[in-house]
Amino acid sequence: MSGIYSRLWLSLAFVFAFSLASSAHAIETTANIDLTRHPVGILSLAIFFIAYGLVAVEKAIQLRKSKPVMLAAGLIWALLGIIYAMHGESKAIEAAAKHVILDYGELMLFLVVAITYVNTMQERRVFDALRSKLVNLNLSYRQLFWLIGGLAFVFGPIIDNLTTALVMGAVVVAVGVGNYQFIVMGCIIIVVAANAGGVFSPFGDITSLMVWQKGKLSFFEFFYLFLPSLVNFLVPATLMHFGVPKGVPEPWGDAKRLKPGGIAVIWLFLATLVTAVSFKTFLGLPPALGMMLGLGYLQMYSYFLQRIAQRRNDKDFGFDSLREMRHVEWDTLLFFFGIIFAVAGLGVAGYLALLSNYLYGTLGATTANIAIGILGAAFDNIPLMFAVLTMNPDMSNGQWMLVTLSTGVGGSLVSIGSAAGVVLMGLVRNHYTFMNHLRWAWAIAIGFVASIFTHLWVNAALL
C-alpha cells in the first residue's frame, strides 16, 4: 500500500509546487485577496495536505476520515478570516462562507433523505430478499457475473454506487462461498458497473449530484451519458468474462421474505426522487426541498404502519423512520463537510483560480476534463469535482458531461479510486484487494478510454 500513498503525495506535491510557482506576489486589500504566496496561504495548503494524508492512512492509524478534514477546514477558514478582518473585508469572507454552507446544506439534506430510505429498505429486508432470489436462480458463475454486473449498472443510478456496491457485494459473497476467483471477479465488476451506472443519473454518484445541484446540467441531460456509461461497463466486463470460473454454485439457504410495507417503501422512494426532479425542473426549487417532502411521505407511512402494528401487537409490522435516520453514516457526511470547506478555503486563497488557468487555459477543456478523471484514481473524486465546480470554467454542456463521466468512471481504475471500491475492500477484505483489482486495471482502462471516445463521438454536437 505504500506505493499508493507515494503516488498520492506526488500528486499533492505537484499541485503545491505549481501553485507556488504561478502565484502572485502581493496581497491586495480587495474582496478577492490573493494569498497564494502569503504565509497564510502556504500554511493552509500544508494543513490541507496533512489532513488528506491522514485520510489516506485511515485504516492504519484508526482515525475516522471526518476528523482531520473537519479540523483542517476550520483552521483554514479561521486563518482566512483573520487576514480578511485585517484588511476590513470581513463581509466578503462571511459571504463566501455562507455560499459554501448553502452548497453543503443542500447536498447534506439530499443525502440524509436518500440514506434514510436505503436504511428503511434494508430494515424491511428488501435487499435480503433480492439477494436470496439471485442466489437461488441456479445460474452458472459466468451467468451470475453478468447478472450481478448488470444489476449493479441498473441500481447505481437509483440507489447510488456506494449502496449498490454494499448490496451486490453481499450477493457475490453469498453466491461464491468457497470460490475465491468468482468473488474477486464479481467484486471488480460491481465497482466498474456501479460507478458507470452512477454517471448518467444525478442520484448515482455524489459528483453527479453536485453537478446537477449547481445547475451545470439539467436532469435529462445526464441521459446523454447513458451510452458512454454502458460502454464503460460492457468493455471491461467482456474482457473479464473469460477470467470468471466455470461451474454452478450450490443453492443458498432459505428464501428471505420482505417485511410488510417493503414494496411500498420502494415506491415511496421512487416518488421522492420524482418529487425532487419536479421541484428542480418545473418549480425552480432546490431538489433537496423535494427530497424533504419525500421524507414526509416516509414518516407518514411509518406512522400508519406503527398504528396498525400496535393494534395487531406485532412489533415487526411497523418501523420507526426516525430510528432509521439515526443510522445515517455521519462520518461520511462530516467528511464531505470537511473536504468541501477545505477545498473552498483554498479557492478563496486563490489556488483554484491558478489551477483552473493552467488546466482549462493551457491544456484546454477536453484534455483537462479527461486528466481530472484519471486523477480520480488517486484522489477521492468528490474534492476533485468540487474543485472544478469552484473553478467554474466556462464550458459547454458537452464538456460538463465529459468531466462528469471522467470523474465518475475514472475512480474504477484502482480500488481506492471510488467509494464503491473502498467499501468493498472493507466488506470482502480477504478477496477484493488493491492488487487483485490492479490485475484487471488494463481492461478497466480500455473501458475508460472507450467511454471517453464514445462520448466525444455521439455527443460531438454538444462539445
Protein backbone atom coordinates (compact mmCIF):
# COMPACT_ATOMS: atom_id res chain seq x y z
CA MET A 1 0.00 0.00 0.00
CA SER A 2 2.99 2.31 0.40
CA GLY A 3 3.09 2.73 -3.36
CA ILE A 4 -0.46 4.12 -3.31
CA TYR A 5 0.41 6.73 -0.74
CA SER A 6 3.60 7.65 -2.59
CA ARG A 7 1.57 8.43 -5.73
CA LEU A 8 -0.92 10.40 -3.65
CA TRP A 9 1.81 12.57 -2.13
CA LEU A 10 3.50 13.06 -5.50
CA SER A 11 0.20 14.32 -6.94
CA LEU A 12 -0.30 16.64 -3.99
CA ALA A 13 3.28 17.88 -4.25
CA PHE A 14 2.74 18.70 -7.93
CA VAL A 15 -0.31 20.84 -7.16
CA PHE A 16 1.58 22.52 -4.30
CA ALA A 17 4.64 23.29 -6.42
CA PHE A 18 2.59 24.56 -9.33
CA SER A 19 0.52 26.81 -7.09
CA LEU A 20 3.60 28.41 -5.57
CA ALA A 21 5.41 28.81 -8.86
CA SER A 22 2.48 30.52 -10.53
CA SER A 23 1.24 32.71 -7.70
CA ALA A 24 1.08 36.45 -7.38
CA HIS A 25 3.48 38.45 -5.22
CA ALA A 26 1.35 40.71 -3.06
CA ILE A 27 -1.83 40.92 -1.04
CA GLU A 28 -4.38 43.37 -2.27
CA THR A 29 -6.89 44.97 0.05
CA THR A 30 -9.86 43.90 -2.05
CA ALA A 31 -12.68 41.41 -1.62
CA ASN A 32 -10.54 38.90 -3.58
CA ILE A 33 -7.29 38.85 -1.63
CA ASP A 34 -4.54 36.82 -3.30
CA LEU A 35 -2.90 34.63 -0.65
CA THR A 36 -1.11 32.21 -2.93
CA ARG A 37 2.36 33.33 -1.80
CA HIS A 38 1.39 34.66 1.58
CA PRO A 39 2.37 32.57 4.66
CA VAL A 40 -1.31 32.07 5.48
CA GLY A 41 -1.96 30.61 2.03
CA ILE A 42 1.05 28.30 2.23
CA LEU A 43 0.07 27.23 5.76
CA SER A 44 -3.47 26.50 4.54
CA LEU A 45 -2.08 24.26 1.81
CA ALA A 46 0.10 22.45 4.33
CA ILE A 47 -2.86 21.90 6.64
CA PHE A 48 -4.92 20.51 3.76
CA PHE A 49 -2.13 18.14 2.65
CA ILE A 50 -1.57 16.84 6.16
CA ALA A 51 -5.30 16.22 6.66
CA TYR A 52 -5.60 14.46 3.30
CA GLY A 53 -2.59 12.32 4.16
CA LEU A 54 -4.26 11.27 7.43
CA VAL A 55 -7.36 10.30 5.45
CA ALA A 56 -5.19 8.16 3.18
CA VAL A 57 -3.86 6.15 6.15
CA GLU A 58 -7.21 6.00 7.95
CA LYS A 59 -7.17 2.24 8.42
CA ALA A 60 -3.56 2.11 9.59
CA ILE A 61 -3.94 4.76 12.32
CA GLN A 62 -7.61 4.01 13.17
CA LEU A 63 -8.62 7.66 12.79
CA ARG A 64 -12.03 8.38 11.28
CA LYS A 65 -11.63 10.26 7.99
CA SER A 66 -14.01 13.04 9.02
CA LYS A 67 -11.89 14.19 11.97
CA PRO A 68 -8.74 15.52 10.24
CA VAL A 69 -10.63 17.20 7.39
CA MET A 70 -13.08 18.92 9.74
CA LEU A 71 -10.16 20.24 11.79
CA ALA A 72 -8.37 21.32 8.61
CA ALA A 73 -11.44 23.11 7.25
CA GLY A 74 -11.95 25.04 10.49
CA LEU A 75 -8.30 26.08 10.71
CA ILE A 76 -8.13 27.17 7.07
CA TRP A 77 -11.22 29.36 7.36
CA ALA A 78 -10.03 30.79 10.68
CA LEU A 79 -6.76 31.84 9.02
CA LEU A 80 -8.67 33.34 6.09
CA GLY A 81 -10.97 35.17 8.48
CA ILE A 82 -8.02 36.76 10.28
CA ILE A 83 -6.46 38.06 7.06
CA TYR A 84 -9.74 39.38 5.68
CA ALA A 85 -10.54 41.07 9.00
CA MET A 86 -7.12 42.76 8.94
CA HIS A 87 -8.00 44.19 5.53
CA GLY A 88 -11.52 45.25 6.54
CA GLU A 89 -13.15 42.63 4.30
CA SER A 90 -14.99 40.55 6.90
CA LYS A 91 -18.23 40.91 4.96
CA ALA A 92 -16.63 39.36 1.89
CA ILE A 93 -15.31 36.30 3.72
CA GLU A 94 -18.65 35.91 5.50
CA ALA A 95 -20.47 35.90 2.16
CA ALA A 96 -18.05 33.30 0.78
CA ALA A 97 -18.54 31.04 3.81
CA LYS A 98 -22.34 31.33 3.63
CA HIS A 99 -22.24 30.39 -0.06
CA VAL A 100 -20.36 27.16 0.78
CA ILE A 101 -22.74 26.45 3.69
CA LEU A 102 -25.65 26.72 1.25
CA ASP A 103 -23.99 24.30 -1.19
CA TYR A 104 -23.19 21.78 1.53
CA GLY A 105 -26.57 22.18 3.22
CA GLU A 106 -28.42 21.23 0.04
CA LEU A 107 -26.12 18.25 -0.52
CA MET A 108 -26.44 17.05 3.09
CA LEU A 109 -30.25 17.25 3.17
CA PHE A 110 -30.47 15.37 -0.13
CA LEU A 111 -28.16 12.62 1.12
CA VAL A 112 -29.78 12.29 4.54
CA VAL A 113 -33.16 11.58 2.93
CA ALA A 114 -31.69 9.16 0.36
CA ILE A 115 -29.71 7.26 3.01
CA THR A 116 -32.75 7.12 5.31
CA TYR A 117 -34.77 5.49 2.54
CA VAL A 118 -32.00 2.99 1.83
CA ASN A 119 -31.73 2.16 5.55
CA THR A 120 -35.50 1.67 5.70
CA MET A 121 -35.43 -0.66 2.68
CA GLN A 122 -32.68 -2.62 4.39
CA GLU A 123 -34.76 -2.84 7.59
CA ARG A 124 -37.76 -4.06 5.55
CA ARG A 125 -35.46 -6.79 4.11
CA VAL A 126 -35.72 -5.51 0.54
CA PHE A 127 -32.05 -6.23 -0.17
CA ASP A 128 -32.08 -9.56 1.68
CA ALA A 129 -35.00 -10.72 -0.46
CA LEU A 130 -33.21 -9.65 -3.63
CA ARG A 131 -30.04 -11.44 -2.60
CA SER A 132 -31.96 -14.60 -1.75
CA LYS A 133 -33.70 -14.68 -5.13
CA LEU A 134 -30.47 -14.15 -7.08
CA VAL A 135 -28.55 -16.80 -5.20
CA ASN A 136 -31.23 -19.44 -5.79
CA LEU A 137 -31.64 -18.91 -9.56
CA ASN A 138 -29.33 -21.89 -10.28
CA LEU A 139 -27.24 -19.88 -12.75
CA SER A 140 -23.61 -20.58 -13.64
CA TYR A 141 -20.82 -18.41 -12.24
CA ARG A 142 -20.39 -16.67 -15.59
CA GLN A 143 -24.12 -16.00 -15.90
CA LEU A 144 -24.16 -14.64 -12.36
CA PHE A 145 -21.15 -12.46 -13.19
CA TRP A 146 -23.14 -10.75 -15.95
CA LEU A 147 -26.35 -10.61 -13.93
CA ILE A 148 -24.62 -9.06 -10.93
CA GLY A 149 -22.78 -6.56 -13.12
CA GLY A 150 -25.98 -5.68 -14.98
CA LEU A 151 -27.92 -5.17 -11.76
CA ALA A 152 -25.13 -3.01 -10.34
CA PHE A 153 -25.30 -0.89 -13.50
CA VAL A 154 -29.09 -0.55 -13.14
CA PHE A 155 -29.11 0.07 -9.38
CA GLY A 156 -26.21 2.55 -9.48
CA PRO A 157 -28.27 5.42 -10.92
CA ILE A 158 -31.12 4.80 -8.45
CA ILE A 159 -29.68 3.93 -5.03
CA ASP A 160 -26.16 5.35 -5.66
CA ASN A 161 -22.94 3.47 -6.38
CA LEU A 162 -21.92 3.08 -2.73
CA THR A 163 -25.13 1.35 -1.63
CA THR A 164 -25.13 -0.72 -4.81
CA ALA A 165 -21.62 -1.96 -4.00
CA LEU A 166 -22.70 -2.98 -0.50
CA VAL A 167 -25.82 -4.83 -1.66
CA MET A 168 -24.28 -6.61 -4.65
CA GLY A 169 -21.07 -7.32 -2.72
CA ALA A 170 -23.14 -9.27 -0.18
CA VAL A 171 -24.69 -11.21 -3.09
CA VAL A 172 -21.28 -12.12 -4.51
CA VAL A 173 -20.02 -13.32 -1.14
CA ALA A 174 -23.16 -15.43 -0.60
CA VAL A 175 -23.01 -16.96 -4.10
CA GLY A 176 -19.27 -17.50 -4.25
CA VAL A 177 -18.65 -19.24 -0.92
CA GLY A 178 -15.58 -21.42 -1.48
CA ASN A 179 -14.83 -19.94 -4.92
CA TYR A 180 -12.12 -17.31 -4.42
CA GLN A 181 -11.78 -16.33 -8.08
CA PHE A 182 -15.50 -15.68 -8.59
CA ILE A 183 -15.68 -13.40 -5.55
CA VAL A 184 -12.68 -11.41 -6.82
CA MET A 185 -14.09 -11.04 -10.32
CA GLY A 186 -17.57 -10.29 -9.02
CA CYS A 187 -16.34 -7.50 -6.76
CA ILE A 188 -14.34 -5.88 -9.55
CA ILE A 189 -17.27 -5.83 -11.96
CA ILE A 190 -19.54 -4.43 -9.22
CA VAL A 191 -17.22 -1.45 -8.76
CA VAL A 192 -16.95 -0.86 -12.50
CA ALA A 193 -20.70 -1.25 -13.17
CA ALA A 194 -21.88 0.76 -10.14
CA ASN A 195 -19.57 3.66 -10.98
CA ALA A 196 -20.55 3.54 -14.66
CA GLY A 197 -24.26 3.42 -13.86
CA GLY A 198 -23.93 6.23 -11.34
CA VAL A 199 -22.71 8.64 -14.01
CA PHE A 200 -25.87 9.01 -16.11
CA SER A 201 -28.10 9.92 -13.17
CA PRO A 202 -27.93 12.88 -10.78
CA PHE A 203 -28.57 10.40 -7.93
CA GLY A 204 -25.99 7.78 -8.87
CA ASP A 205 -22.85 9.45 -7.56
CA ILE A 206 -22.05 12.37 -5.27
CA THR A 207 -20.17 14.08 -8.10
CA SER A 208 -23.17 13.81 -10.45
CA LEU A 209 -25.42 15.17 -7.72
CA MET A 210 -23.09 18.14 -7.20
CA VAL A 211 -23.10 18.94 -10.92
CA TRP A 212 -26.90 18.77 -11.05
CA GLN A 213 -27.46 20.86 -7.93
CA LYS A 214 -25.10 23.51 -9.29
CA GLY A 215 -27.27 23.71 -12.40
CA LYS A 216 -24.46 22.80 -14.81
CA LEU A 217 -26.60 20.07 -16.37
CA SER A 218 -30.35 19.56 -16.31
CA PHE A 219 -31.82 16.26 -15.14
CA PHE A 220 -32.45 14.92 -18.63
CA GLU A 221 -29.04 15.98 -19.96
CA PHE A 222 -27.41 13.31 -17.82
CA PHE A 223 -29.01 10.68 -20.03
CA TYR A 224 -26.75 11.74 -22.88
CA LEU A 225 -24.10 9.84 -20.88
CA PHE A 226 -26.01 6.56 -20.94
CA LEU A 227 -24.25 5.10 -23.99
CA PRO A 228 -20.71 6.10 -22.85
CA SER A 229 -21.52 4.68 -19.40
CA LEU A 230 -22.81 1.45 -20.91
CA VAL A 231 -19.62 1.12 -22.96
CA ASN A 232 -17.57 1.71 -19.81
CA PHE A 233 -19.29 -1.31 -18.22
CA LEU A 234 -19.56 -3.65 -21.22
CA VAL A 235 -15.98 -3.39 -22.49
CA PRO A 236 -14.19 -4.50 -19.29
CA ALA A 237 -16.97 -6.99 -18.49
CA THR A 238 -16.43 -8.67 -21.88
CA LEU A 239 -12.66 -8.77 -21.37
CA MET A 240 -13.06 -10.13 -17.83
CA HIS A 241 -15.67 -12.75 -18.79
CA PHE A 242 -13.04 -15.38 -19.59
CA GLY A 243 -11.38 -14.91 -16.22
CA VAL A 244 -14.58 -15.95 -14.41
CA PRO A 245 -14.56 -19.61 -13.37
CA LYS A 246 -16.98 -22.09 -14.89
CA GLY A 247 -19.44 -24.20 -12.90
CA VAL A 248 -22.62 -23.65 -10.90
CA PRO A 249 -22.76 -22.60 -7.22
CA GLU A 250 -24.71 -24.52 -4.63
CA PRO A 251 -28.20 -23.19 -3.70
CA TRP A 252 -28.12 -20.96 -0.63
CA GLY A 253 -30.32 -21.25 2.45
CA ASP A 254 -34.00 -20.43 2.81
CA ALA A 255 -35.60 -17.64 0.81
CA LYS A 256 -35.85 -14.34 2.66
CA ARG A 257 -39.18 -12.54 2.61
CA LEU A 258 -39.91 -8.86 2.67
CA LYS A 259 -41.30 -7.34 5.83
CA PRO A 260 -44.75 -5.68 5.48
CA GLY A 261 -44.55 -2.40 3.61
CA GLY A 262 -41.26 -3.19 1.85
CA ILE A 263 -42.72 -2.75 -1.63
CA ALA A 264 -44.50 0.44 -0.58
CA VAL A 265 -41.21 1.92 0.71
CA ILE A 266 -39.62 1.24 -2.70
CA TRP A 267 -42.45 3.10 -4.44
CA LEU A 268 -42.26 5.96 -1.94
CA PHE A 269 -38.53 6.26 -2.64
CA LEU A 270 -39.17 6.44 -6.39
CA ALA A 271 -41.92 9.01 -5.75
CA THR A 272 -39.45 11.03 -3.66
CA LEU A 273 -36.91 11.08 -6.50
CA VAL A 274 -39.64 12.17 -8.93
CA THR A 275 -40.62 14.92 -6.48
CA ALA A 276 -37.03 16.15 -6.24
CA VAL A 277 -36.67 16.24 -10.03
CA SER A 278 -40.02 18.03 -10.40
CA PHE A 279 -39.07 20.67 -7.83
CA LYS A 280 -35.87 21.41 -9.74
CA THR A 281 -37.24 21.13 -13.29
CA PHE A 282 -40.71 22.63 -13.07
CA LEU A 283 -40.72 24.82 -9.98
CA GLY A 284 -37.12 26.09 -9.96
CA LEU A 285 -36.76 24.99 -6.33
CA PRO A 286 -33.76 23.15 -4.81
CA PRO A 287 -34.11 19.36 -5.25
CA ALA A 288 -33.22 18.95 -1.57
CA LEU A 289 -36.57 20.56 -0.75
CA GLY A 290 -38.33 17.92 -2.83
CA MET A 291 -36.36 15.22 -1.01
CA MET A 292 -37.51 16.61 2.34
CA LEU A 293 -41.09 16.42 1.12
CA GLY A 294 -40.36 12.79 0.23
CA LEU A 295 -39.09 12.24 3.77
CA GLY A 296 -42.52 13.43 4.87
CA TYR A 297 -44.05 10.65 2.72
CA LEU A 298 -41.95 8.08 4.57
CA GLN A 299 -42.66 9.49 8.02
CA MET A 300 -46.42 9.48 7.48
CA TYR A 301 -46.32 5.94 6.09
CA SER A 302 -44.24 4.89 9.08
CA TYR A 303 -46.85 6.40 11.40
CA PHE A 304 -49.70 4.44 9.79
CA LEU A 305 -47.75 1.16 9.92
CA GLN A 306 -46.92 1.74 13.57
CA ARG A 307 -50.61 2.31 14.39
CA ILE A 308 -51.52 -0.93 12.66
CA ALA A 309 -48.67 -2.73 14.45
CA GLN A 310 -49.99 -1.52 17.80
CA ARG A 311 -53.47 -2.83 17.05
CA ARG A 312 -52.05 -6.18 15.96
CA ASN A 313 -49.47 -6.26 18.76
CA ASP A 314 -46.87 -7.09 16.09
CA LYS A 315 -43.58 -5.23 16.56
CA ASP A 316 -42.16 -6.43 13.22
CA PHE A 317 -45.08 -4.98 11.25
CA GLY A 318 -44.15 -1.32 11.75
CA PHE A 319 -40.92 0.66 11.71
CA ASP A 320 -39.67 3.95 13.10
CA SER A 321 -38.44 6.28 10.33
CA LEU A 322 -36.63 8.48 12.87
CA ARG A 323 -34.70 5.46 14.10
CA GLU A 324 -33.56 4.79 10.51
CA MET A 325 -32.38 8.40 10.30
CA ARG A 326 -30.15 7.79 13.33
CA HIS A 327 -28.37 5.10 11.31
CA VAL A 328 -27.15 7.64 8.75
CA GLU A 329 -23.38 7.38 8.25
CA TRP A 330 -22.40 10.68 9.84
CA ASP A 331 -18.69 10.06 9.44
CA THR A 332 -19.17 10.20 5.67
CA LEU A 333 -21.39 13.31 5.77
CA LEU A 334 -18.95 15.13 8.05
CA PHE A 335 -16.08 14.08 5.78
CA PHE A 336 -17.93 15.74 2.91
CA PHE A 337 -18.34 18.85 5.06
CA GLY A 338 -14.63 18.99 5.86
CA ILE A 339 -13.35 18.31 2.37
CA ILE A 340 -15.79 20.73 0.69
CA PHE A 341 -14.98 23.55 3.09
CA ALA A 342 -11.23 22.90 2.95
CA VAL A 343 -11.19 22.95 -0.86
CA ALA A 344 -13.43 26.03 -0.87
CA GLY A 345 -10.97 27.73 1.51
CA LEU A 346 -8.11 27.04 -0.87
CA GLY A 347 -10.28 28.54 -3.58
CA VAL A 348 -10.76 31.72 -1.56
CA ALA A 349 -6.98 31.86 -1.08
CA GLY A 350 -6.57 31.84 -4.87
CA TYR A 351 -5.14 28.39 -5.58
CA LEU A 352 -8.09 27.02 -7.55
CA ALA A 353 -8.00 30.01 -9.89
CA LEU A 354 -4.36 29.23 -10.66
CA LEU A 355 -5.11 25.58 -11.23
CA SER A 356 -8.08 26.48 -13.43
CA ASN A 357 -5.96 28.80 -15.57
CA TYR A 358 -3.42 26.03 -16.12
CA LEU A 359 -5.84 23.16 -16.76
CA TYR A 360 -8.50 24.95 -18.79
CA GLY A 361 -6.42 27.79 -20.18
CA THR A 362 -3.24 25.93 -21.15
CA LEU A 363 -4.35 22.33 -21.67
CA GLY A 364 -7.88 23.02 -22.93
CA ALA A 365 -11.21 21.78 -21.61
CA THR A 366 -11.19 18.31 -23.19
CA THR A 367 -7.68 17.38 -22.01
CA ALA A 368 -8.28 18.92 -18.59
CA ASN A 369 -11.55 17.07 -18.04
CA ILE A 370 -10.03 13.73 -19.02
CA ALA A 371 -6.99 14.39 -16.80
CA ILE A 372 -9.25 15.13 -13.83
CA GLY A 373 -10.93 11.76 -14.33
CA ILE A 374 -7.59 9.96 -14.31
CA LEU A 375 -6.60 11.82 -11.13
CA GLY A 376 -9.75 10.33 -9.62
CA ALA A 377 -7.87 7.03 -9.45
CA ALA A 378 -5.56 8.51 -6.80
CA PHE A 379 -7.79 11.18 -5.24
CA ASP A 380 -11.32 10.94 -3.98
CA ASN A 381 -13.47 12.20 -6.85
CA ILE A 382 -15.58 14.40 -4.56
CA PRO A 383 -12.91 17.06 -3.81
CA LEU A 384 -11.85 16.95 -7.47
CA MET A 385 -15.36 17.67 -8.69
CA PHE A 386 -15.92 20.33 -6.03
CA ALA A 387 -12.68 21.98 -7.13
CA VAL A 388 -13.88 22.02 -10.76
CA LEU A 389 -17.24 23.48 -9.73
CA THR A 390 -15.48 26.11 -7.63
CA MET A 391 -13.16 26.99 -10.54
CA ASN A 392 -16.34 27.25 -12.65
CA PRO A 393 -14.59 27.19 -16.04
CA ASP A 394 -16.59 28.49 -18.99
CA MET A 395 -17.51 25.20 -20.69
CA SER A 396 -20.22 23.84 -22.96
CA ASN A 397 -22.75 21.34 -21.65
CA GLY A 398 -20.90 18.60 -23.50
CA GLN A 399 -17.73 19.41 -21.57
CA TRP A 400 -19.60 19.34 -18.26
CA MET A 401 -20.87 15.91 -19.32
CA LEU A 402 -17.30 14.89 -20.08
CA VAL A 403 -15.93 15.87 -16.67
CA THR A 404 -18.92 14.16 -15.00
CA LEU A 405 -18.21 11.00 -16.98
CA SER A 406 -14.45 11.01 -16.44
CA THR A 407 -14.56 11.67 -12.69
CA GLY A 408 -17.32 9.09 -12.22
CA VAL A 409 -15.71 6.19 -14.10
CA GLY A 410 -12.06 7.21 -13.59
CA GLY A 411 -12.34 6.06 -9.98
CA SER A 412 -12.81 2.48 -11.22
CA LEU A 413 -9.20 2.28 -12.41
CA VAL A 414 -7.99 1.33 -8.93
CA SER A 415 -9.83 0.01 -5.88
CA ILE A 416 -9.23 3.14 -3.81
CA GLY A 417 -10.44 5.50 -6.52
CA SER A 418 -14.11 5.42 -5.59
CA ALA A 419 -16.34 5.00 -2.56
CA ALA A 420 -17.68 1.78 -4.07
CA GLY A 421 -14.20 0.27 -4.24
CA VAL A 422 -13.20 1.40 -0.75
CA VAL A 423 -16.34 -0.04 0.86
CA LEU A 424 -15.89 -3.39 -0.91
CA MET A 425 -12.28 -3.60 0.26
CA GLY A 426 -13.63 -3.43 3.80
CA LEU A 427 -16.55 -5.82 3.17
CA VAL A 428 -14.58 -8.52 1.30
CA ARG A 429 -11.14 -7.80 2.68
CA ASN A 430 -9.62 -11.26 2.11
CA HIS A 431 -10.64 -11.43 -1.56
CA TYR A 432 -11.11 -7.98 -3.02
CA THR A 433 -7.75 -6.28 -2.60
CA PHE A 434 -5.86 -3.45 -4.24
CA MET A 435 -3.58 -5.86 -6.12
CA ASN A 436 -6.43 -8.13 -7.28
CA HIS A 437 -8.20 -5.10 -8.73
CA LEU A 438 -4.99 -3.79 -10.26
CA ARG A 439 -4.53 -7.04 -12.24
CA TRP A 440 -7.57 -6.08 -14.29
CA ALA A 441 -6.80 -2.36 -14.46
CA TRP A 442 -5.78 -2.77 -18.11
CA ALA A 443 -9.30 -3.95 -19.03
CA ILE A 444 -10.90 -1.16 -16.99
CA ALA A 445 -8.57 1.38 -18.62
CA ILE A 446 -9.65 0.18 -22.08
CA GLY A 447 -13.26 0.70 -20.99
CA PHE A 448 -12.41 4.17 -19.68
CA VAL A 449 -10.82 5.18 -22.98
CA ALA A 450 -13.67 3.62 -24.98
CA SER A 451 -16.29 5.52 -22.94
CA ILE A 452 -14.47 8.83 -23.44
CA PHE A 453 -14.25 8.30 -27.21
CA THR A 454 -17.90 7.23 -27.28
CA HIS A 455 -18.91 10.49 -25.62
CA LEU A 456 -16.71 12.55 -27.93
CA TRP A 457 -18.33 10.79 -30.89
CA VAL A 458 -22.04 10.50 -30.03
CA ASN A 459 -22.24 13.86 -28.20
CA ALA A 460 -19.90 15.76 -30.51
CA ALA A 461 -22.57 18.38 -31.25
CA LEU A 462 -22.71 19.30 -27.54
CA LEU A 463 -18.98 19.86 -27.05
